């Protein structure tokens, strides 16, 4: 499998068979380029502008934005209901956590998770190989909370998302920089242009992998 980061919480997953899933596409006015891409599936964790820019995807794709299990060719997609805040959605509504079964691995995208996970949610998510974790605070879980969620799921690889970058310009003031999370997490860190992964390589890359903005 191959995983690319387009900025904010937007990732592009490609299986070894060539199936493509776009996750949480972001509106371009946020500052990220967000290229037009072909996709067989698009997932949106919630309907805010920086996670639901469907115009970015081309082709006859399936749009998945609800809990439950779906199949996009050889990629299984399982959604777990969660919340965008710590008040069961009273402030910002629901947030769907998506797990992608691809090439024998489980990639978990937390969206804008706003709370620690319940035991039931942890069980529904299952064993995570690659965790896409919001670490910029503000509109999602706090940095300390993100570290704790990482401990709850015990993923081999954690990829930070939804944090301050130069591309955001003035909007960046609403997000914490990446180094705060890295300092608190206390794990080895690698920076890569994209993640190309097979199950045997998980151990070699364990820790935090920072994907470069495309």
N, C-alpha and C. Protein backbone atom coordinates (compact mmCIF):
# COMPACT_ATOMS: atom_id res chain seq x y z
N UNK A 1 0.83 -1.19 0.00
CA UNK A 1 0.00 0.00 0.00
C UNK A 1 0.87 1.25 0.00
N UNK A 2 0.28 2.33 -0.52
CA UNK A 2 0.98 3.61 -0.53
C UNK A 2 0.04 4.67 0.06
N UNK A 3 0.62 5.53 0.89
CA UNK A 3 -0.17 6.57 1.55
C UNK A 3 0.51 7.92 1.34
N UNK A 4 -0.27 8.89 0.82
CA UNK A 4 0.22 10.24 0.60
C UNK A 4 -0.60 11.22 1.43
N UNK A 5 0.03 12.31 1.85
CA UNK A 5 -0.65 13.34 2.62
C UNK A 5 -0.74 14.61 1.78
N UNK A 6 -1.96 15.14 1.61
CA UNK A 6 -2.17 16.35 0.83
C UNK A 6 -2.36 17.58 1.71
N UNK A 7 -2.22 17.43 3.03
CA UNK A 7 -2.42 18.54 3.95
C UNK A 7 -3.65 18.36 4.81
N UNK A 8 -3.68 19.06 5.95
CA UNK A 8 -4.77 19.00 6.93
C UNK A 8 -5.03 17.54 7.33
N UNK A 9 -6.19 16.98 7.02
CA UNK A 9 -6.47 15.57 7.35
C UNK A 9 -6.70 14.74 6.09
N UNK A 10 -6.22 15.24 4.96
CA UNK A 10 -6.48 14.61 3.67
C UNK A 10 -5.35 13.66 3.27
N UNK A 11 -5.70 12.39 3.11
CA UNK A 11 -4.75 11.36 2.69
C UNK A 11 -5.29 10.64 1.47
N UNK A 12 -4.36 10.07 0.72
CA UNK A 12 -4.69 9.34 -0.51
C UNK A 12 -4.07 7.96 -0.39
N UNK A 13 -4.92 6.94 -0.27
CA UNK A 13 -4.49 5.57 -0.04
C UNK A 13 -4.62 4.77 -1.33
N UNK A 14 -3.55 4.08 -1.69
CA UNK A 14 -3.57 3.24 -2.89
C UNK A 14 -3.14 1.83 -2.51
N UNK A 15 -3.97 0.85 -2.83
CA UNK A 15 -3.63 -0.54 -2.52
C UNK A 15 -2.67 -1.08 -3.56
N UNK A 16 -2.12 -2.26 -3.29
CA UNK A 16 -1.20 -2.90 -4.24
C UNK A 16 -1.91 -3.27 -5.54
N UNK A 17 -3.25 -3.40 -5.47
CA UNK A 17 -4.03 -3.70 -6.68
C UNK A 17 -4.43 -2.44 -7.44
N UNK A 18 -4.09 -1.26 -6.89
CA UNK A 18 -4.37 -0.01 -7.58
C UNK A 18 -5.65 0.68 -7.18
N UNK A 19 -6.36 0.17 -6.17
CA UNK A 19 -7.58 0.82 -5.69
C UNK A 19 -7.21 2.07 -4.90
N UNK A 20 -7.93 3.17 -5.14
CA UNK A 20 -7.59 4.45 -4.53
C UNK A 20 -8.75 4.97 -3.68
N UNK A 21 -8.42 5.35 -2.45
CA UNK A 21 -9.40 5.95 -1.53
C UNK A 21 -8.87 7.29 -1.06
N UNK A 22 -9.69 8.32 -1.19
CA UNK A 22 -9.36 9.66 -0.73
C UNK A 22 -10.05 9.90 0.60
N UNK A 23 -9.29 10.36 1.60
CA UNK A 23 -9.83 10.57 2.93
C UNK A 23 -9.90 12.06 3.26
N UNK A 24 -11.03 12.52 3.75
CA UNK A 24 -11.23 13.89 4.26
C UNK A 24 -10.63 14.97 3.36
N UNK A 25 -11.08 15.06 2.10
CA UNK A 25 -10.56 16.11 1.21
C UNK A 25 -10.89 17.50 1.75
N UNK A 26 -9.92 18.41 1.62
CA UNK A 26 -9.98 19.73 2.25
C UNK A 26 -10.22 20.82 1.22
N UNK A 27 -11.05 21.81 1.55
CA UNK A 27 -11.28 22.95 0.67
C UNK A 27 -9.98 23.69 0.40
N UNK A 28 -9.78 24.09 -0.84
CA UNK A 28 -8.50 24.70 -1.23
C UNK A 28 -8.27 26.05 -0.57
N UNK A 29 -9.32 26.77 -0.21
CA UNK A 29 -9.09 28.09 0.38
C UNK A 29 -8.42 28.02 1.74
N UNK A 30 -8.31 26.82 2.31
CA UNK A 30 -7.54 26.66 3.54
C UNK A 30 -6.05 26.92 3.32
N UNK A 31 -5.59 26.80 2.07
CA UNK A 31 -4.19 27.07 1.75
C UNK A 31 -3.46 25.90 1.12
N UNK A 32 -3.98 24.69 1.28
CA UNK A 32 -3.36 23.51 0.68
C UNK A 32 -3.78 23.39 -0.79
N UNK A 33 -2.91 22.82 -1.61
CA UNK A 33 -3.15 22.76 -3.06
C UNK A 33 -4.30 21.82 -3.42
N UNK A 34 -4.38 20.69 -2.78
CA UNK A 34 -5.44 19.71 -3.02
C UNK A 34 -5.63 19.40 -4.51
N UNK A 35 -4.76 18.57 -5.08
CA UNK A 35 -4.86 18.25 -6.50
C UNK A 35 -6.11 17.44 -6.82
N UNK A 36 -6.56 17.51 -8.05
CA UNK A 36 -7.64 16.63 -8.50
C UNK A 36 -7.09 15.21 -8.60
N UNK A 37 -7.77 14.24 -8.03
CA UNK A 37 -7.29 12.86 -8.07
C UNK A 37 -8.43 11.91 -8.43
N UNK A 38 -8.09 10.84 -9.09
CA UNK A 38 -9.04 9.77 -9.37
C UNK A 38 -9.20 8.92 -8.11
N UNK A 39 -10.42 8.52 -7.83
CA UNK A 39 -10.66 7.70 -6.64
C UNK A 39 -11.82 6.75 -6.88
N UNK A 40 -11.71 5.57 -6.29
CA UNK A 40 -12.83 4.63 -6.27
C UNK A 40 -13.69 4.83 -5.03
N UNK A 41 -13.11 5.42 -3.99
CA UNK A 41 -13.84 5.68 -2.76
C UNK A 41 -13.38 6.99 -2.12
N UNK A 42 -14.31 7.69 -1.48
CA UNK A 42 -14.01 8.90 -0.71
C UNK A 42 -14.69 8.79 0.64
N UNK A 43 -13.92 8.98 1.71
CA UNK A 43 -14.50 8.97 3.05
C UNK A 43 -14.41 10.37 3.65
N UNK A 44 -15.46 10.78 4.35
CA UNK A 44 -15.47 12.05 5.06
C UNK A 44 -15.90 11.81 6.50
N UNK A 45 -15.04 12.17 7.42
CA UNK A 45 -15.32 11.91 8.83
C UNK A 45 -16.45 12.77 9.36
N UNK A 46 -16.62 13.98 8.78
CA UNK A 46 -17.72 14.87 9.12
C UNK A 46 -17.84 15.90 8.00
N UNK A 47 -18.83 16.77 8.08
CA UNK A 47 -19.15 17.61 6.93
C UNK A 47 -18.63 19.03 7.06
N UNK A 48 -17.54 19.25 7.75
CA UNK A 48 -16.92 20.57 7.79
C UNK A 48 -16.08 20.78 6.53
N UNK A 49 -15.90 22.04 6.14
CA UNK A 49 -15.29 22.38 4.85
C UNK A 49 -13.88 21.81 4.66
N UNK A 50 -13.13 21.62 5.76
CA UNK A 50 -11.76 21.11 5.60
C UNK A 50 -11.69 19.59 5.66
N UNK A 51 -12.85 18.92 5.55
CA UNK A 51 -12.88 17.45 5.56
C UNK A 51 -13.86 16.89 4.54
N UNK A 52 -14.50 17.74 3.74
CA UNK A 52 -15.63 17.29 2.94
C UNK A 52 -15.65 17.94 1.57
N UNK A 53 -14.48 18.18 0.98
CA UNK A 53 -14.39 18.84 -0.31
C UNK A 53 -14.44 17.78 -1.41
N UNK A 54 -15.64 17.31 -1.71
CA UNK A 54 -15.81 16.20 -2.64
C UNK A 54 -15.41 16.55 -4.06
N UNK A 55 -15.38 17.84 -4.38
CA UNK A 55 -15.01 18.27 -5.73
C UNK A 55 -13.58 17.89 -6.08
N UNK A 56 -12.79 17.53 -5.10
CA UNK A 56 -11.39 17.14 -5.34
C UNK A 56 -11.29 15.78 -6.03
N UNK A 57 -12.30 14.94 -5.85
CA UNK A 57 -12.26 13.57 -6.37
C UNK A 57 -12.88 13.49 -7.75
N UNK A 58 -12.27 12.69 -8.62
CA UNK A 58 -12.79 12.45 -9.96
C UNK A 58 -13.09 10.97 -10.14
N UNK A 59 -14.00 10.67 -11.04
CA UNK A 59 -14.34 9.28 -11.30
C UNK A 59 -15.66 8.90 -10.66
N UNK A 60 -16.07 7.68 -10.88
CA UNK A 60 -17.32 7.15 -10.34
C UNK A 60 -17.04 6.54 -8.97
N UNK A 61 -16.91 7.40 -7.95
CA UNK A 61 -16.49 6.94 -6.64
C UNK A 61 -17.67 6.74 -5.68
N UNK A 62 -17.45 5.88 -4.69
CA UNK A 62 -18.41 5.71 -3.59
C UNK A 62 -18.06 6.71 -2.49
N UNK A 63 -19.06 7.43 -2.00
CA UNK A 63 -18.84 8.36 -0.89
C UNK A 63 -19.35 7.71 0.39
N UNK A 64 -18.46 7.58 1.37
CA UNK A 64 -18.80 6.92 2.63
C UNK A 64 -18.64 7.94 3.75
N UNK A 65 -19.73 8.20 4.48
CA UNK A 65 -19.68 9.18 5.56
C UNK A 65 -20.50 8.76 6.77
N UNK A 66 -20.76 7.45 6.89
CA UNK A 66 -21.56 6.94 8.00
C UNK A 66 -20.89 5.71 8.62
N UNK A 67 -21.24 5.38 9.88
CA UNK A 67 -20.71 4.15 10.49
C UNK A 67 -21.16 2.92 9.72
N UNK A 68 -20.42 1.83 9.91
CA UNK A 68 -20.76 0.58 9.24
C UNK A 68 -19.62 0.09 8.38
N UNK A 69 -19.83 -1.01 7.71
CA UNK A 69 -18.77 -1.65 6.91
C UNK A 69 -19.13 -1.60 5.43
N UNK A 70 -18.15 -1.17 4.64
CA UNK A 70 -18.30 -1.08 3.19
C UNK A 70 -17.08 -1.70 2.53
N UNK A 71 -17.19 -1.97 1.24
CA UNK A 71 -16.10 -2.51 0.46
C UNK A 71 -15.86 -1.64 -0.75
N UNK A 72 -14.63 -1.17 -0.92
CA UNK A 72 -14.23 -0.45 -2.13
C UNK A 72 -13.21 -1.33 -2.84
N UNK A 73 -13.73 -2.18 -3.74
CA UNK A 73 -12.91 -3.19 -4.40
C UNK A 73 -12.16 -4.01 -3.34
N UNK A 74 -10.81 -3.97 -3.34
CA UNK A 74 -10.06 -4.81 -2.40
C UNK A 74 -9.80 -4.13 -1.06
N UNK A 75 -10.34 -2.93 -0.83
CA UNK A 75 -10.15 -2.23 0.43
C UNK A 75 -11.45 -2.26 1.23
N UNK A 76 -11.40 -2.78 2.46
CA UNK A 76 -12.56 -2.74 3.33
C UNK A 76 -12.53 -1.44 4.13
N UNK A 77 -13.70 -0.87 4.32
CA UNK A 77 -13.82 0.41 5.04
C UNK A 77 -14.84 0.24 6.16
N UNK A 78 -14.38 0.44 7.40
CA UNK A 78 -15.28 0.29 8.55
C UNK A 78 -15.33 1.59 9.33
N UNK A 79 -16.54 2.12 9.54
CA UNK A 79 -16.73 3.37 10.26
C UNK A 79 -17.24 3.15 11.67
N UNK A 80 -16.62 3.82 12.62
CA UNK A 80 -17.01 3.76 14.03
C UNK A 80 -17.50 5.13 14.46
N UNK A 81 -18.69 5.19 15.04
CA UNK A 81 -19.24 6.47 15.48
C UNK A 81 -18.45 7.02 16.66
N UNK A 82 -18.07 8.29 16.55
CA UNK A 82 -17.41 9.02 17.64
C UNK A 82 -17.93 10.46 17.58
N UNK A 83 -17.25 11.36 18.30
CA UNK A 83 -17.74 12.73 18.41
C UNK A 83 -16.63 13.73 18.14
N UNK A 84 -17.04 14.91 17.69
CA UNK A 84 -16.10 15.98 17.37
C UNK A 84 -15.73 16.79 18.62
N UNK A 85 -16.35 16.49 19.73
CA UNK A 85 -16.09 17.20 20.98
C UNK A 85 -16.21 16.22 22.14
N UNK A 86 -16.00 16.71 23.34
CA UNK A 86 -16.06 15.85 24.52
C UNK A 86 -17.45 15.79 25.13
N UNK A 87 -18.45 16.33 24.42
CA UNK A 87 -19.82 16.40 24.93
C UNK A 87 -20.78 15.61 24.04
N UNK A 88 -20.29 14.51 23.50
CA UNK A 88 -21.08 13.64 22.62
C UNK A 88 -21.75 14.40 21.49
N UNK A 89 -20.98 15.32 20.90
CA UNK A 89 -21.44 16.03 19.73
C UNK A 89 -22.28 17.26 19.98
N UNK A 90 -22.46 17.65 21.23
CA UNK A 90 -23.33 18.80 21.54
C UNK A 90 -22.82 20.09 20.92
N UNK A 91 -21.51 20.23 20.76
CA UNK A 91 -20.94 21.46 20.20
C UNK A 91 -20.65 21.35 18.70
N UNK A 92 -20.04 20.24 18.29
CA UNK A 92 -19.57 20.15 16.91
C UNK A 92 -20.11 18.95 16.14
N UNK A 93 -20.93 18.14 16.75
CA UNK A 93 -21.55 17.03 16.03
C UNK A 93 -20.74 15.75 16.05
N UNK A 94 -21.12 14.83 15.19
CA UNK A 94 -20.49 13.52 15.18
C UNK A 94 -19.22 13.52 14.33
N UNK A 95 -18.41 12.51 14.55
CA UNK A 95 -17.16 12.31 13.82
C UNK A 95 -17.02 10.81 13.59
N UNK A 96 -16.81 10.41 12.36
CA UNK A 96 -16.68 8.99 12.06
C UNK A 96 -15.20 8.62 11.96
N UNK A 97 -14.81 7.64 12.74
CA UNK A 97 -13.46 7.06 12.64
C UNK A 97 -13.51 5.97 11.58
N UNK A 98 -12.61 6.05 10.61
CA UNK A 98 -12.60 5.05 9.54
C UNK A 98 -11.36 4.16 9.63
N UNK A 99 -11.60 2.86 9.50
CA UNK A 99 -10.53 1.88 9.42
C UNK A 99 -10.52 1.27 8.02
N UNK A 100 -9.33 1.22 7.43
CA UNK A 100 -9.17 0.72 6.07
C UNK A 100 -8.35 -0.56 6.11
N UNK A 101 -8.97 -1.66 5.73
CA UNK A 101 -8.26 -2.92 5.62
C UNK A 101 -7.64 -3.03 4.25
N UNK A 102 -6.32 -2.90 4.16
CA UNK A 102 -5.67 -2.83 2.87
C UNK A 102 -4.37 -3.63 2.90
N UNK A 103 -4.22 -4.56 2.01
CA UNK A 103 -3.00 -5.36 1.88
C UNK A 103 -2.58 -5.99 3.22
N UNK A 104 -3.56 -6.46 3.97
CA UNK A 104 -3.27 -7.13 5.24
C UNK A 104 -3.00 -6.19 6.40
N UNK A 105 -3.16 -4.89 6.21
CA UNK A 105 -2.90 -3.90 7.25
C UNK A 105 -4.18 -3.15 7.60
N UNK A 106 -4.22 -2.57 8.80
CA UNK A 106 -5.34 -1.74 9.23
C UNK A 106 -4.85 -0.30 9.39
N UNK A 107 -5.35 0.58 8.53
CA UNK A 107 -5.04 2.01 8.60
C UNK A 107 -6.24 2.70 9.23
N UNK A 108 -6.01 3.43 10.31
CA UNK A 108 -7.10 4.07 11.06
C UNK A 108 -6.99 5.58 10.95
N UNK A 109 -8.04 6.22 10.42
CA UNK A 109 -8.13 7.68 10.29
C UNK A 109 -9.13 8.17 11.34
N UNK A 110 -8.65 8.99 12.29
CA UNK A 110 -9.48 9.42 13.41
C UNK A 110 -10.33 10.64 13.10
N UNK A 111 -10.17 11.25 11.92
CA UNK A 111 -10.95 12.45 11.64
C UNK A 111 -10.64 13.54 12.66
N UNK A 112 -11.66 14.29 13.04
CA UNK A 112 -11.51 15.33 14.07
C UNK A 112 -12.02 14.79 15.41
N UNK A 113 -11.44 13.69 15.85
CA UNK A 113 -11.83 13.12 17.14
C UNK A 113 -11.68 14.17 18.24
N UNK A 114 -12.70 14.28 19.10
CA UNK A 114 -12.66 15.30 20.14
C UNK A 114 -12.61 14.77 21.55
N UNK A 115 -12.33 13.48 21.73
CA UNK A 115 -12.39 12.89 23.07
C UNK A 115 -11.53 11.63 23.13
N UNK A 116 -11.25 11.17 24.33
CA UNK A 116 -10.62 9.87 24.50
C UNK A 116 -11.60 8.78 24.07
N UNK A 117 -11.08 7.67 23.62
CA UNK A 117 -11.92 6.59 23.14
C UNK A 117 -12.49 5.78 24.29
N UNK A 118 -13.71 5.29 24.11
CA UNK A 118 -14.29 4.37 25.07
C UNK A 118 -13.75 2.97 24.81
N UNK A 119 -13.85 2.06 25.78
CA UNK A 119 -13.44 0.68 25.54
C UNK A 119 -14.17 0.05 24.37
N UNK A 120 -15.44 0.42 24.19
CA UNK A 120 -16.22 -0.14 23.08
C UNK A 120 -15.68 0.36 21.74
N UNK A 121 -15.30 1.61 21.67
CA UNK A 121 -14.73 2.14 20.43
C UNK A 121 -13.38 1.51 20.12
N UNK A 122 -12.56 1.35 21.14
CA UNK A 122 -11.26 0.69 20.94
C UNK A 122 -11.45 -0.72 20.40
N UNK A 123 -12.43 -1.43 20.95
CA UNK A 123 -12.70 -2.80 20.50
C UNK A 123 -13.21 -2.81 19.06
N UNK A 124 -14.05 -1.85 18.70
CA UNK A 124 -14.60 -1.80 17.35
C UNK A 124 -13.52 -1.44 16.33
N UNK A 125 -12.58 -0.60 16.72
CA UNK A 125 -11.47 -0.22 15.83
C UNK A 125 -10.53 -1.39 15.62
N UNK A 126 -10.24 -2.12 16.68
CA UNK A 126 -9.37 -3.29 16.58
C UNK A 126 -7.89 -2.95 16.55
N UNK A 127 -7.09 -3.90 16.14
CA UNK A 127 -5.65 -3.73 16.08
C UNK A 127 -5.29 -2.77 14.95
N UNK A 128 -4.55 -1.72 15.28
CA UNK A 128 -4.20 -0.69 14.30
C UNK A 128 -2.73 -0.80 13.93
N UNK A 129 -2.45 -0.79 12.65
CA UNK A 129 -1.06 -0.78 12.18
C UNK A 129 -0.58 0.64 11.91
N UNK A 130 -1.41 1.44 11.26
CA UNK A 130 -1.05 2.82 10.93
C UNK A 130 -2.17 3.74 11.42
N UNK A 131 -1.81 4.68 12.30
CA UNK A 131 -2.79 5.58 12.90
C UNK A 131 -2.61 6.99 12.37
N UNK A 132 -3.67 7.57 11.81
CA UNK A 132 -3.67 8.95 11.34
C UNK A 132 -4.34 9.78 12.43
N UNK A 133 -3.53 10.58 13.13
CA UNK A 133 -3.91 11.17 14.41
C UNK A 133 -3.90 12.69 14.36
N UNK A 134 -5.03 13.36 14.71
CA UNK A 134 -5.03 14.84 14.77
C UNK A 134 -4.24 15.31 15.99
N UNK A 135 -3.26 16.18 15.77
CA UNK A 135 -2.35 16.56 16.86
C UNK A 135 -2.26 18.07 17.07
N UNK A 136 -3.09 18.84 16.37
CA UNK A 136 -2.99 20.29 16.46
C UNK A 136 -3.90 20.95 17.46
N UNK A 137 -4.63 20.14 18.26
CA UNK A 137 -5.53 20.71 19.25
C UNK A 137 -6.64 21.52 18.61
N UNK A 138 -7.04 22.58 19.26
CA UNK A 138 -8.05 23.54 18.77
C UNK A 138 -9.39 22.87 18.47
N UNK A 139 -9.63 22.48 17.22
CA UNK A 139 -10.92 21.97 16.80
C UNK A 139 -11.07 20.45 16.98
N UNK A 140 -10.06 19.82 17.51
CA UNK A 140 -10.11 18.38 17.78
C UNK A 140 -9.57 18.15 19.19
N UNK A 141 -9.20 16.94 19.50
CA UNK A 141 -8.71 16.60 20.83
C UNK A 141 -7.43 17.38 21.14
N UNK A 142 -7.17 17.63 22.43
CA UNK A 142 -5.97 18.35 22.83
C UNK A 142 -4.71 17.54 22.49
N UNK A 143 -3.57 18.19 22.54
CA UNK A 143 -2.32 17.49 22.26
C UNK A 143 -2.11 16.36 23.26
N UNK A 144 -2.32 16.66 24.53
CA UNK A 144 -2.18 15.61 25.57
C UNK A 144 -3.17 14.49 25.32
N UNK A 145 -4.37 14.84 24.89
CA UNK A 145 -5.37 13.83 24.58
C UNK A 145 -4.97 12.98 23.40
N UNK A 146 -4.36 13.61 22.39
CA UNK A 146 -3.90 12.86 21.22
C UNK A 146 -2.84 11.84 21.62
N UNK A 147 -1.93 12.23 22.51
CA UNK A 147 -0.91 11.29 23.00
C UNK A 147 -1.58 10.12 23.70
N UNK A 148 -2.61 10.40 24.48
CA UNK A 148 -3.30 9.34 25.22
C UNK A 148 -4.06 8.41 24.27
N UNK A 149 -4.69 8.96 23.25
CA UNK A 149 -5.38 8.12 22.26
C UNK A 149 -4.38 7.21 21.55
N UNK A 150 -3.20 7.75 21.27
CA UNK A 150 -2.15 6.92 20.69
C UNK A 150 -1.81 5.73 21.57
N UNK A 151 -1.77 5.96 22.87
CA UNK A 151 -1.51 4.87 23.81
C UNK A 151 -2.67 3.88 23.85
N UNK A 152 -3.90 4.39 23.70
CA UNK A 152 -5.06 3.50 23.70
C UNK A 152 -5.02 2.52 22.53
N UNK A 153 -4.58 2.99 21.37
CA UNK A 153 -4.64 2.17 20.16
C UNK A 153 -3.35 1.42 19.86
N UNK A 154 -2.23 1.88 20.41
CA UNK A 154 -0.96 1.15 20.30
C UNK A 154 -0.60 0.79 18.85
N UNK A 155 -0.72 1.75 17.97
CA UNK A 155 -0.38 1.51 16.57
C UNK A 155 1.13 1.38 16.39
N UNK A 156 1.53 0.59 15.42
CA UNK A 156 2.96 0.48 15.10
C UNK A 156 3.50 1.80 14.58
N UNK A 157 2.72 2.46 13.72
CA UNK A 157 3.13 3.73 13.11
C UNK A 157 2.06 4.77 13.35
N UNK A 158 2.46 5.94 13.81
CA UNK A 158 1.54 7.06 13.98
C UNK A 158 1.94 8.18 13.02
N UNK A 159 0.97 8.63 12.23
CA UNK A 159 1.20 9.74 11.30
C UNK A 159 0.39 10.94 11.77
N UNK A 160 1.04 12.03 12.15
CA UNK A 160 0.32 13.22 12.61
C UNK A 160 -0.41 13.92 11.47
N UNK A 161 -1.51 14.57 11.80
CA UNK A 161 -2.26 15.37 10.83
C UNK A 161 -2.94 16.52 11.58
N UNK A 162 -3.53 17.45 10.80
CA UNK A 162 -4.37 18.51 11.38
C UNK A 162 -3.58 19.37 12.36
N UNK A 163 -2.41 19.84 11.90
CA UNK A 163 -1.57 20.71 12.73
C UNK A 163 -1.10 21.91 11.92
N UNK A 164 -0.43 22.85 12.56
CA UNK A 164 0.00 24.08 11.90
C UNK A 164 1.10 23.81 10.88
N UNK A 165 0.92 24.35 9.68
CA UNK A 165 1.96 24.32 8.64
C UNK A 165 2.00 25.68 7.96
N UNK A 166 3.09 26.01 7.26
CA UNK A 166 3.15 27.28 6.55
C UNK A 166 2.05 27.46 5.51
N UNK A 167 1.57 26.36 4.93
CA UNK A 167 0.54 26.45 3.89
C UNK A 167 -0.75 27.08 4.41
N UNK A 168 -1.01 26.96 5.70
CA UNK A 168 -2.25 27.50 6.28
C UNK A 168 -2.24 29.01 6.40
N UNK A 169 -1.06 29.63 6.32
CA UNK A 169 -0.98 31.08 6.47
C UNK A 169 -1.52 31.53 7.81
N UNK A 170 -2.36 32.57 7.82
CA UNK A 170 -2.89 33.12 9.06
C UNK A 170 -3.80 32.13 9.79
N UNK A 171 -4.40 31.20 9.05
CA UNK A 171 -5.26 30.19 9.69
C UNK A 171 -4.45 29.29 10.62
N UNK A 172 -3.14 29.26 10.42
CA UNK A 172 -2.30 28.40 11.25
C UNK A 172 -2.33 28.74 12.73
N UNK A 173 -2.73 29.96 13.07
CA UNK A 173 -2.75 30.34 14.49
C UNK A 173 -3.75 29.52 15.29
N UNK A 174 -4.71 28.91 14.59
CA UNK A 174 -5.72 28.11 15.28
C UNK A 174 -5.24 26.68 15.60
N UNK A 175 -4.06 26.32 15.10
CA UNK A 175 -3.55 24.96 15.29
C UNK A 175 -2.19 25.01 15.97
N UNK A 176 -1.91 24.01 16.78
CA UNK A 176 -0.59 23.91 17.40
C UNK A 176 0.42 23.36 16.40
N UNK A 177 1.69 23.74 16.54
CA UNK A 177 2.73 23.18 15.65
C UNK A 177 3.02 21.73 16.00
N UNK A 178 3.60 21.02 15.07
CA UNK A 178 3.85 19.59 15.22
C UNK A 178 4.82 19.29 16.36
N UNK A 179 5.80 20.17 16.58
CA UNK A 179 6.85 19.85 17.56
C UNK A 179 6.31 19.67 18.97
N UNK A 180 5.19 20.30 19.29
CA UNK A 180 4.61 20.13 20.63
C UNK A 180 4.16 18.68 20.84
N UNK A 181 3.50 18.11 19.84
CA UNK A 181 3.08 16.72 19.95
C UNK A 181 4.28 15.79 20.00
N UNK A 182 5.26 16.01 19.14
CA UNK A 182 6.44 15.15 19.09
C UNK A 182 7.16 15.16 20.44
N UNK A 183 7.26 16.34 21.06
CA UNK A 183 7.92 16.44 22.35
C UNK A 183 7.18 15.64 23.42
N UNK A 184 5.85 15.70 23.40
CA UNK A 184 5.06 15.00 24.41
C UNK A 184 4.98 13.50 24.14
N UNK A 185 5.01 13.10 22.88
CA UNK A 185 4.85 11.68 22.54
C UNK A 185 6.07 10.86 22.91
N UNK A 186 7.26 11.43 22.77
CA UNK A 186 8.48 10.73 23.16
C UNK A 186 8.76 9.47 22.37
N UNK A 187 8.48 9.48 21.07
CA UNK A 187 8.73 8.33 20.21
C UNK A 187 9.75 8.70 19.13
N UNK A 188 10.41 7.71 18.54
CA UNK A 188 11.31 8.02 17.42
C UNK A 188 10.52 8.61 16.26
N UNK A 189 11.14 9.54 15.53
CA UNK A 189 10.46 10.27 14.46
C UNK A 189 11.24 10.13 13.16
N UNK A 190 10.51 9.87 12.08
CA UNK A 190 11.08 9.85 10.73
C UNK A 190 10.24 10.74 9.84
N UNK A 191 10.88 11.40 8.88
CA UNK A 191 10.16 12.20 7.90
C UNK A 191 10.31 11.54 6.53
N UNK A 192 9.19 11.42 5.81
CA UNK A 192 9.18 10.73 4.53
C UNK A 192 8.26 11.46 3.56
N UNK A 193 8.55 11.38 2.25
CA UNK A 193 7.65 12.00 1.27
C UNK A 193 6.31 11.29 1.18
N UNK A 194 6.29 9.98 1.34
CA UNK A 194 5.09 9.18 1.37
C UNK A 194 5.41 7.86 2.05
N UNK A 195 4.37 7.15 2.43
CA UNK A 195 4.56 5.87 3.12
C UNK A 195 4.23 4.73 2.18
N UNK A 196 5.22 3.92 1.84
CA UNK A 196 5.01 2.70 1.08
C UNK A 196 5.28 1.54 2.03
N UNK A 197 4.30 0.67 2.17
CA UNK A 197 4.36 -0.24 3.30
C UNK A 197 3.86 -1.64 2.96
N UNK A 198 4.56 -2.62 3.47
CA UNK A 198 4.09 -4.00 3.53
C UNK A 198 4.22 -4.44 4.98
N UNK A 199 3.48 -5.45 5.37
CA UNK A 199 3.44 -5.86 6.77
C UNK A 199 4.82 -6.09 7.38
N UNK A 200 5.78 -6.76 6.71
CA UNK A 200 7.08 -6.99 7.33
C UNK A 200 7.87 -5.72 7.64
N UNK A 201 7.53 -4.58 6.99
CA UNK A 201 8.29 -3.34 7.21
C UNK A 201 7.78 -2.53 8.39
N UNK A 202 6.70 -2.97 9.03
CA UNK A 202 6.12 -2.20 10.13
C UNK A 202 7.13 -1.98 11.26
N UNK A 203 7.83 -3.01 11.64
CA UNK A 203 8.77 -2.91 12.76
C UNK A 203 9.88 -1.92 12.45
N UNK A 204 10.36 -1.92 11.21
CA UNK A 204 11.44 -1.02 10.82
C UNK A 204 11.04 0.45 10.92
N UNK A 205 9.75 0.75 10.78
CA UNK A 205 9.27 2.13 10.77
C UNK A 205 8.49 2.50 12.02
N UNK A 206 8.53 1.69 13.06
CA UNK A 206 7.71 1.94 14.24
C UNK A 206 8.03 3.28 14.86
N UNK A 207 6.99 3.96 15.33
CA UNK A 207 7.13 5.28 15.92
C UNK A 207 6.30 6.29 15.14
N UNK A 208 6.74 7.54 15.11
CA UNK A 208 6.05 8.60 14.41
C UNK A 208 6.67 8.79 13.03
N UNK A 209 5.82 8.78 12.03
CA UNK A 209 6.26 9.07 10.66
C UNK A 209 5.58 10.36 10.21
N UNK A 210 6.38 11.37 9.94
CA UNK A 210 5.87 12.66 9.47
C UNK A 210 5.90 12.64 7.95
N UNK A 211 4.73 12.71 7.33
CA UNK A 211 4.66 12.74 5.87
C UNK A 211 4.80 14.18 5.39
N UNK A 212 5.57 14.37 4.35
CA UNK A 212 5.78 15.68 3.79
C UNK A 212 4.56 16.10 2.99
N UNK A 213 4.21 17.37 3.13
CA UNK A 213 3.06 17.90 2.38
C UNK A 213 3.35 17.88 0.89
N UNK A 214 2.43 17.26 0.14
CA UNK A 214 2.58 17.14 -1.32
C UNK A 214 2.24 18.46 -2.01
